[in-house]
Amino acid sequence: MTAYETLRHFADSYGLVAMLVVFLTLCLWPFRPGAKHHNHSAAHSIFKDEQDGQ
């Protein structure tokens, strides 16, 4: 088996599973229980320099 065939076999099997795990982890990361404060501060960060009454 050549190096190309070995890498191709890895990419078709374990590489696909690894990419799926990384994708799901990154998609679900903002929804973890401890992220509520970080999400709220990121959502309101665009308003931090605005002043009321202008």
PDB file of N, CA and C in Angstrom:
ATOM      1  N   MET A   1       0.851  -1.176   0.000  1.00  0.00           N
ATOM      2  CA  MET A   1       0.000   0.000   0.000  1.00  0.00           C
ATOM      3  C   MET A   1       0.899   1.242   0.000  1.00  0.00           C
ATOM      4  N   THR A   2       0.615   2.145  -0.887  1.00  0.00           N
ATOM      5  CA  THR A   2       1.425   3.359  -0.984  1.00  0.00           C
ATOM      6  C   THR A   2       1.010   4.364   0.094  1.00  0.00           C
ATOM      7  N   ALA A   3       1.819   5.382   0.228  1.00  0.00           N
ATOM      8  CA  ALA A   3       1.523   6.426   1.214  1.00  0.00           C
ATOM      9  C   ALA A   3       0.229   7.138   0.850  1.00  0.00           C
ATOM     10  N   TYR A   4       0.002   7.338  -0.452  1.00  0.00           N
ATOM     11  CA  TYR A   4      -1.230   7.991  -0.888  1.00  0.00           C
ATOM     12  C   TYR A   4      -2.447   7.172  -0.485  1.00  0.00           C
ATOM     13  N   GLU A   5      -2.405   5.878  -0.711  1.00  0.00           N
ATOM     14  CA  GLU A   5      -3.534   5.023  -0.360  1.00  0.00           C
ATOM     15  C   GLU A   5      -3.767   4.982   1.148  1.00  0.00           C
ATOM     16  N   THR A   6      -2.706   5.012   1.909  1.00  0.00           N
ATOM     17  CA  THR A   6      -2.830   5.020   3.365  1.00  0.00           C
ATOM     18  C   THR A   6      -3.486   6.306   3.846  1.00  0.00           C
ATOM     19  N   LEU A   7      -3.013   7.445   3.331  1.00  0.00           N
ATOM     20  CA  LEU A   7      -3.608   8.718   3.721  1.00  0.00           C
ATOM     21  C   LEU A   7      -5.040   8.841   3.232  1.00  0.00           C
ATOM     22  N   ARG A   8      -5.317   8.317   2.066  1.00  0.00           N
ATOM     23  CA  ARG A   8      -6.679   8.351   1.529  1.00  0.00           C
ATOM     24  C   ARG A   8      -7.626   7.521   2.383  1.00  0.00           C
ATOM     25  N   HIS A   9      -7.173   6.362   2.815  1.00  0.00           N
ATOM     26  CA  HIS A   9      -7.976   5.514   3.685  1.00  0.00           C
ATOM     27  C   HIS A   9      -8.238   6.216   5.022  1.00  0.00           C
ATOM     28  N   PHE A  10      -7.223   6.869   5.585  1.00  0.00           N
ATOM     29  CA  PHE A  10      -7.395   7.602   6.834  1.00  0.00           C
ATOM     30  C   PHE A  10      -8.402   8.730   6.672  1.00  0.00           C
ATOM     31  N   ALA A  11      -8.284   9.484   5.587  1.00  0.00           N
ATOM     32  CA  ALA A  11      -9.184  10.611   5.355  1.00  0.00           C
ATOM     33  C   ALA A  11     -10.619  10.139   5.141  1.00  0.00           C
ATOM     34  N   ASP A  12     -10.791   9.003   4.505  1.00  0.00           N
ATOM     35  CA  ASP A  12     -12.133   8.488   4.244  1.00  0.00           C
ATOM     36  C   ASP A  12     -12.790   7.902   5.480  1.00  0.00           C
ATOM     37  N   SER A  13     -12.024   7.527   6.475  1.00  0.00           N
ATOM     38  CA  SER A  13     -12.623   6.889   7.642  1.00  0.00           C
ATOM     39  C   SER A  13     -12.446   7.743   8.894  1.00  0.00           C
ATOM     40  N   TYR A  14     -11.283   7.701   9.485  1.00  0.00           N
ATOM     41  CA  TYR A  14     -11.062   8.386  10.757  1.00  0.00           C
ATOM     42  C   TYR A  14     -11.016   9.903  10.593  1.00  0.00           C
ATOM     43  N   GLY A  15     -10.518  10.382   9.488  1.00  0.00           N
ATOM     44  CA  GLY A  15     -10.483  11.829   9.254  1.00  0.00           C
ATOM     45  C   GLY A  15     -11.879  12.418   9.181  1.00  0.00           C
ATOM     46  N   LEU A  16     -12.788  11.699   8.554  1.00  0.00           N
ATOM     47  CA  LEU A  16     -14.173  12.161   8.455  1.00  0.00           C
ATOM     48  C   LEU A  16     -14.818  12.220   9.831  1.00  0.00           C
ATOM     49  N   VAL A  17     -14.586  11.212  10.633  1.00  0.00           N
ATOM     50  CA  VAL A  17     -15.135  11.191  11.992  1.00  0.00           C
ATOM     51  C   VAL A  17     -14.541  12.332  12.821  1.00  0.00           C
ATOM     52  N   ALA A  18     -13.244  12.565  12.701  1.00  0.00           N
ATOM     53  CA  ALA A  18     -12.590  13.637  13.450  1.00  0.00           C
ATOM     54  C   ALA A  18     -13.135  14.999  13.033  1.00  0.00           C
ATOM     55  N   MET A  19     -13.310  15.220  11.735  1.00  0.00           N
ATOM     56  CA  MET A  19     -13.861  16.496  11.268  1.00  0.00           C
ATOM     57  C   MET A  19     -15.294  16.688  11.750  1.00  0.00           C
ATOM     58  N   LEU A  20     -16.077  15.622  11.799  1.00  0.00           N
ATOM     59  CA  LEU A  20     -17.449  15.706  12.289  1.00  0.00           C
ATOM     60  C   LEU A  20     -17.467  16.071  13.774  1.00  0.00           C
ATOM     61  N   VAL A  21     -16.588  15.480  14.550  1.00  0.00           N
ATOM     62  CA  VAL A  21     -16.517  15.783  15.981  1.00  0.00           C
ATOM     63  C   VAL A  21     -16.114  17.240  16.194  1.00  0.00           C
ATOM     64  N   VAL A  22     -15.130  17.724  15.451  1.00  0.00           N
ATOM     65  CA  VAL A  22     -14.705  19.122  15.578  1.00  0.00           C
ATOM     66  C   VAL A  22     -15.833  20.058  15.163  1.00  0.00           C
ATOM     67  N   PHE A  23     -16.526  19.752  14.084  1.00  0.00           N
ATOM     68  CA  PHE A  23     -17.630  20.575  13.613  1.00  0.00           C
ATOM     69  C   PHE A  23     -18.737  20.658  14.661  1.00  0.00           C
ATOM     70  N   LEU A  24     -19.133  19.521  15.215  1.00  0.00           N
ATOM     71  CA  LEU A  24     -20.200  19.523  16.213  1.00  0.00           C
ATOM     72  C   LEU A  24     -19.771  20.239  17.484  1.00  0.00           C
ATOM     73  N   THR A  25     -18.513  20.089  17.871  1.00  0.00           N
ATOM     74  CA  THR A  25     -18.014  20.786  19.054  1.00  0.00           C
ATOM     75  C   THR A  25     -18.075  22.290  18.862  1.00  0.00           C
ATOM     76  N   LEU A  26     -17.626  22.768  17.707  1.00  0.00           N
ATOM     77  CA  LEU A  26     -17.640  24.205  17.445  1.00  0.00           C
ATOM     78  C   LEU A  26     -19.063  24.753  17.309  1.00  0.00           C
ATOM     79  N   CYS A  27     -19.970  23.967  16.780  1.00  0.00           N
ATOM     80  CA  CYS A  27     -21.359  24.416  16.655  1.00  0.00           C
ATOM     81  C   CYS A  27     -22.065  24.478  18.003  1.00  0.00           C
ATOM     82  N   LEU A  28     -21.742  23.557  18.899  1.00  0.00           N
ATOM     83  CA  LEU A  28     -22.430  23.499  20.185  1.00  0.00           C
ATOM     84  C   LEU A  28     -21.731  24.299  21.284  1.00  0.00           C
ATOM     85  N   TRP A  29     -20.520  24.765  21.025  1.00  0.00           N
ATOM     86  CA  TRP A  29     -19.750  25.495  22.038  1.00  0.00           C
ATOM     87  C   TRP A  29     -20.487  26.723  22.605  1.00  0.00           C
ATOM     88  N   PRO A  30     -21.142  27.557  21.799  1.00  0.00           N
ATOM     89  CA  PRO A  30     -21.827  28.735  22.363  1.00  0.00           C
ATOM     90  C   PRO A  30     -23.027  28.386  23.244  1.00  0.00           C
ATOM     91  N   PHE A  31     -23.526  27.171  23.151  1.00  0.00           N
ATOM     92  CA  PHE A  31     -24.722  26.784  23.886  1.00  0.00           C
ATOM     93  C   PHE A  31     -24.417  26.069  25.197  1.00  0.00           C
ATOM     94  N   ARG A  32     -23.150  25.997  25.592  1.00  0.00           N
ATOM     95  CA  ARG A  32     -22.812  25.348  26.856  1.00  0.00           C
ATOM     96  C   ARG A  32     -23.317  26.216  28.007  1.00  0.00           C
ATOM     97  N   PRO A  33     -23.561  25.614  29.167  1.00  0.00           N
ATOM     98  CA  PRO A  33     -24.164  26.365  30.274  1.00  0.00           C
ATOM     99  C   PRO A  33     -23.356  27.564  30.753  1.00  0.00           C
ATOM    100  N   GLY A  34     -22.037  27.505  30.749  1.00  0.00           N
ATOM    101  CA  GLY A  34     -21.236  28.595  31.264  1.00  0.00           C
ATOM    102  C   GLY A  34     -21.021  29.749  30.305  1.00  0.00           C
ATOM    103  N   ALA A  35     -21.567  29.675  29.119  1.00  0.00           N
ATOM    104  CA  ALA A  35     -21.300  30.685  28.103  1.00  0.00           C
ATOM    105  C   ALA A  35     -22.349  31.790  28.050  1.00  0.00           C
ATOM    106  N   LYS A  36     -23.331  31.754  28.911  1.00  0.00           N
ATOM    107  CA  LYS A  36     -24.413  32.733  28.836  1.00  0.00           C
ATOM    108  C   LYS A  36     -23.896  34.158  29.025  1.00  0.00           C
ATOM    109  N   HIS A  37     -23.037  34.367  30.005  1.00  0.00           N
ATOM    110  CA  HIS A  37     -22.493  35.701  30.254  1.00  0.00           C
ATOM    111  C   HIS A  37     -21.653  36.179  29.068  1.00  0.00           C
ATOM    112  N   HIS A  38     -20.823  35.316  28.515  1.00  0.00           N
ATOM    113  CA  HIS A  38     -19.981  35.692  27.382  1.00  0.00           C
ATOM    114  C   HIS A  38     -20.826  36.021  26.147  1.00  0.00           C
ATOM    115  N   ASN A  39     -21.862  35.243  25.922  1.00  0.00           N
ATOM    116  CA  ASN A  39     -22.740  35.503  24.776  1.00  0.00           C
ATOM    117  C   ASN A  39     -23.471  36.834  24.946  1.00  0.00           C
ATOM    118  N   HIS A  40     -23.922  37.121  26.149  1.00  0.00           N
ATOM    119  CA  HIS A  40     -24.639  38.372  26.411  1.00  0.00           C
ATOM    120  C   HIS A  40     -23.711  39.576  26.229  1.00  0.00           C
ATOM    121  N   SER A  41     -22.497  39.477  26.746  1.00  0.00           N
ATOM    122  CA  SER A  41     -21.571  40.606  26.607  1.00  0.00           C
ATOM    123  C   SER A  41     -21.137  40.797  25.154  1.00  0.00           C
ATOM    124  N   ALA A  42     -21.000  39.721  24.406  1.00  0.00           N
ATOM    125  CA  ALA A  42     -20.643  39.845  22.990  1.00  0.00           C
ATOM    126  C   ALA A  42     -21.794  40.452  22.192  1.00  0.00           C
ATOM    127  N   ALA A  43     -23.022  40.092  22.543  1.00  0.00           N
ATOM    128  CA  ALA A  43     -24.179  40.615  21.817  1.00  0.00           C
ATOM    129  C   ALA A  43     -24.382  42.101  22.068  1.00  0.00           C
ATOM    130  N   HIS A  44     -24.023  42.579  23.271  1.00  0.00           N
ATOM    131  CA  HIS A  44     -24.238  43.976  23.613  1.00  0.00           C
ATOM    132  C   HIS A  44     -22.988  44.828  23.489  1.00  0.00           C
ATOM    133  N   SER A  45     -21.904  44.260  23.003  1.00  0.00           N
ATOM    134  CA  SER A  45     -20.648  45.014  22.911  1.00  0.00           C
ATOM    135  C   SER A  45     -20.715  46.136  21.881  1.00  0.00           C
ATOM    136  N   ILE A  46     -21.596  46.033  20.899  1.00  0.00           N
ATOM    137  CA  ILE A  46     -21.692  47.086  19.893  1.00  0.00           C
ATOM    138  C   ILE A  46     -22.349  48.338  20.449  1.00  0.00           C
ATOM    139  N   PHE A  47     -23.014  48.238  21.585  1.00  0.00           N
ATOM    140  CA  PHE A  47     -23.704  49.370  22.177  1.00  0.00           C
ATOM    141  C   PHE A  47     -22.920  50.018  23.313  1.00  0.00           C
ATOM    142  N   LYS A  48     -21.725  49.534  23.630  1.00  0.00           N
ATOM    143  CA  LYS A  48     -21.032  50.012  24.831  1.00  0.00           C
ATOM    144  C   LYS A  48     -20.581  51.465  24.722  1.00  0.00           C
ATOM    145  N   ASP A  49     -20.342  51.982  23.533  1.00  0.00           N
ATOM    146  CA  ASP A  49     -19.888  53.357  23.386  1.00  0.00           C
ATOM    147  C   ASP A  49     -21.020  54.352  23.137  1.00  0.00           C
ATOM    148  N   GLU A  50     -22.226  53.852  22.981  1.00  0.00           N
ATOM    149  CA  GLU A  50     -23.363  54.737  22.764  1.00  0.00           C
ATOM    150  C   GLU A  50     -23.847  55.319  24.081  1.00  0.00           C
ATOM    151  N   GLN A  51     -24.339  56.529  24.026  1.00  0.00           N
ATOM    152  CA  GLN A  51     -24.910  57.166  25.195  1.00  0.00           C
ATOM    153  C   GLN A  51     -26.383  57.433  24.947  1.00  0.00           C
ATOM    154  N   ASP A  52     -27.178  57.275  25.975  1.00  0.00           N
ATOM    155  CA  ASP A  52     -28.614  57.552  25.849  1.00  0.00           C
ATOM    156  C   ASP A  52     -28.847  59.046  25.743  1.00  0.00           C
ATOM    157  N   GLY A  53     -29.860  59.440  25.044  1.00  0.00           N
ATOM    158  CA  GLY A  53     -30.235  60.844  24.947  1.00  0.00           C
ATOM    159  C   GLY A  53     -29.624  61.584  23.796  1.00  0.00           C
ATOM    160  N   GLN A  54     -28.971  60.931  22.905  1.00  0.00           N
ATOM    161  CA  GLN A  54     -28.382  61.623  21.746  1.00  0.00           C
ATOM    162  C   GLN A  54     -29.327  61.641  20.595  1.00  0.00           C
TER     163      GLN A  54
END
